[in-house]
């Protein structure tokens, strides 16, 4: 990203381009590459595994996400219960859609 501008070759593309980007990043730093990915049906960022998922070991979290849809659903439940110190769980119960978007996607959700 020279001069702070996104070059066309840096933009996201299809699955093939995304997979190649992951492989190249993995070669530089495997842990950071896997944590930068969104995982499973609910697209939980790998960096969220600690403290949000209830699983402290990142490798175990990845195995769980790759096991089955049922395992992904369990991780999603754990994510909702634990994200932001339980605040996401409360706003889901309250059906506060704006707060859900905030806690799920961050301050830039709008």
Protein backbone atom coordinates (compact mmCIF):
# COMPACT_ATOMS: atom_id res chain seq x y z
CA UNK A 1 0.00 0.00 0.00
CA UNK A 2 2.43 2.67 -1.11
CA UNK A 3 1.45 6.25 -0.26
CA UNK A 4 -1.48 4.96 1.79
CA UNK A 5 -3.47 4.02 -1.31
CA UNK A 6 -4.90 0.58 -1.95
CA UNK A 7 -3.49 -0.82 -5.16
CA UNK A 8 -5.82 -2.85 -7.37
CA UNK A 9 -3.70 -5.94 -6.71
CA UNK A 10 -4.30 -5.51 -2.95
CA UNK A 11 -8.08 -5.55 -3.23
CA UNK A 12 -10.07 -8.59 -2.20
CA UNK A 13 -11.11 -10.90 -4.99
CA UNK A 14 -12.72 -14.28 -5.25
CA UNK A 15 -11.97 -17.35 -3.19
CA UNK A 16 -8.88 -18.25 -5.22
CA UNK A 17 -7.30 -14.86 -4.63
CA UNK A 18 -8.24 -14.94 -0.93
CA UNK A 19 -6.76 -18.42 -0.52
CA UNK A 20 -3.53 -17.36 -2.19
CA UNK A 21 -3.36 -14.30 0.09
CA UNK A 22 -3.80 -16.59 3.13
CA UNK A 23 -1.09 -18.99 1.93
CA UNK A 24 1.36 -16.15 1.37
CA UNK A 25 0.56 -14.57 4.73
CA UNK A 26 0.80 -17.97 6.44
CA UNK A 27 4.36 -18.27 5.15
CA UNK A 28 5.24 -15.00 6.90
CA UNK A 29 3.45 -15.65 10.19
CA UNK A 30 1.13 -18.65 10.45
CA UNK A 31 -0.48 -17.64 13.75
CA UNK A 32 -1.23 -14.08 12.64
CA UNK A 33 -2.55 -15.30 9.28
CA UNK A 34 -5.03 -17.71 10.87
CA UNK A 35 -6.13 -15.17 13.46
CA UNK A 36 -6.87 -12.66 10.70
CA UNK A 37 -9.39 -15.00 9.05
CA UNK A 38 -13.11 -15.18 9.62
CA UNK A 39 -14.10 -18.73 10.55
CA UNK A 40 -17.23 -20.80 10.16
CA UNK A 41 -20.84 -20.07 9.34
CA UNK A 42 -20.87 -17.06 11.66
CA UNK A 43 -17.58 -15.57 10.44
CA UNK A 44 -15.93 -15.22 13.83
CA UNK A 45 -12.49 -13.68 13.53
CA UNK A 46 -9.68 -15.95 14.67
CA UNK A 47 -8.40 -13.20 16.95
CA UNK A 48 -11.68 -13.56 18.90
CA UNK A 49 -10.94 -17.11 20.06
CA UNK A 50 -9.37 -16.05 23.34
CA UNK A 51 -11.82 -14.70 25.87
CA UNK A 52 -14.84 -14.89 23.59
CA UNK A 53 -15.05 -18.52 22.61
CA UNK A 54 -14.25 -20.17 25.92
CA UNK A 55 -11.32 -22.00 24.29
CA UNK A 56 -7.88 -20.82 25.38
CA UNK A 57 -5.83 -22.81 22.86
CA UNK A 58 -5.99 -21.38 19.33
CA UNK A 59 -5.14 -24.71 17.67
CA UNK A 60 -8.04 -26.39 19.51
CA UNK A 61 -10.36 -23.59 18.45
CA UNK A 62 -9.40 -24.06 14.79
CA UNK A 63 -9.93 -27.82 15.08
CA UNK A 64 -13.35 -27.17 16.56
CA UNK A 65 -14.26 -24.76 13.76
CA UNK A 66 -13.18 -27.33 11.16
CA UNK A 67 -15.00 -30.27 12.77
CA UNK A 68 -18.65 -29.64 11.91
CA UNK A 69 -21.45 -27.13 11.69
CA UNK A 70 -22.56 -28.26 15.14
CA UNK A 71 -19.11 -27.40 16.55
CA UNK A 72 -19.30 -23.99 14.85
CA UNK A 73 -22.69 -23.40 16.43
CA UNK A 74 -21.23 -24.19 19.86
CA UNK A 75 -18.40 -21.71 19.23
CA UNK A 76 -20.96 -19.12 18.11
CA UNK A 77 -22.94 -19.66 21.32
CA UNK A 78 -19.74 -19.28 23.36
CA UNK A 79 -18.84 -16.16 21.40
CA UNK A 80 -22.22 -14.55 22.13
CA UNK A 81 -22.08 -15.49 25.81
CA UNK A 82 -18.55 -14.20 26.37
CA UNK A 83 -18.03 -11.30 23.93
CA UNK A 84 -17.51 -7.94 25.62
CA UNK A 85 -17.73 -9.47 29.07
CA UNK A 86 -21.18 -10.89 28.38
CA UNK A 87 -22.64 -7.66 27.02
CA UNK A 88 -23.33 -9.21 23.60
CA UNK A 89 -25.36 -11.97 25.26
CA UNK A 90 -27.46 -9.43 27.12
CA UNK A 91 -28.22 -7.29 24.07
CA UNK A 92 -29.15 -10.41 22.08
CA UNK A 93 -31.62 -11.35 24.82
CA UNK A 94 -32.92 -7.75 24.76
CA UNK A 95 -33.17 -7.83 20.93
CA UNK A 96 -31.28 -4.53 20.81
CA UNK A 97 -30.26 -4.78 17.14
CA UNK A 98 -28.06 -1.68 17.12
CA UNK A 99 -26.13 -2.86 20.19
CA UNK A 100 -25.83 -6.36 18.69
CA UNK A 101 -24.24 -4.85 15.58
CA UNK A 102 -21.92 -2.77 17.76
CA UNK A 103 -20.69 -5.69 19.88
CA UNK A 104 -20.54 -8.16 16.98
CA UNK A 105 -18.86 -5.93 14.39
CA UNK A 106 -17.26 -3.14 16.41
CA UNK A 107 -17.67 0.63 16.45
CA UNK A 108 -17.47 0.91 12.64
CA UNK A 109 -20.58 -1.25 12.09
CA UNK A 110 -22.57 1.62 10.54
